[in-house]
Amino acid sequence: MEPHPLDRPVWNSLRGRLSHLAQGYGGVLRIDPDYGPFAAAEPGAEADFARCLRSPEDEIWIVEPTVVAPAPGLRVIRTAPLLQMIADGPLPAFAGDDDLVPLGEEDVPEMTALALATQPGPWGPRTCHYGQFHGIRREGRLAAMAGERFRPAPGLGEVSGVCTWPQFQGQGMAGRLIRRVMAGLAVRGDVPFLHSYAGNAPAIRLYESLGFRARRAMVVTVLGMAE
């Protein structure tokens, strides 16, 4: 049976629809570090992960079905189980929402502050340029946002960067923003998928209410240089 593109979302994105952002190191591809710390290796080339680390403080994130064992010269900084989910059924209706606004270059400082404070996932200077992000403003500030990230194959697009300042949580903003991102993906013909930390039960319940189903267990392995 042919492997599914979502079984290796980073590798397939960097070899395909995001190849313009890929940097090669032997059998390893790493995304432009300004977009984030993600990397992936062709089978048997895991030792090449050491070649793409730039300093003792640098780290790479590897999203695969199993933990990646560190080759010589590398150490595991941490691992975390993920749940990969896909919305391959009927999408929730989205008829427009006047207070959801597209975010652009002028919003990057606020987007970065929100992402770094709430930690929805890795965030770099150009993470917001993976695809279109949308936000909701309250009290003159960016209260919540959601956007896009990986594209492992034609017909697949990842919802990512979903986060809300704590004082604005519980108001349904995340769900509304995810529906907006899903609608934009659907216009392009992309089926939405996402990754959640496996232990984040409230987030998983929200995603299920929006039409996502569990597809498979994944794990993120964060590697750095051996000390």
Foldseek 3Di string as FASTA:
>chain_A
DDDDLVQFQVVLQCVPVVVVQWDDQVQKTAGNCQQHQEIDGDPPVQQSVLVPADDQVHKHKGKHADADDHDPQKDWPDKFKKWKKWQPDDFDDDPDDVQKAKDDPVCQVQLVVQCVVFVQDTHGSCNCVQFIKIFGDDPRGTFWIKEWHTDSDPQATEIGSTGGDVVPPPPCRSLNRVSVRCVVCVVSNHTYMYMDGPPPVVVVVSVVVRRMDTDHMMMMTMMGGDD
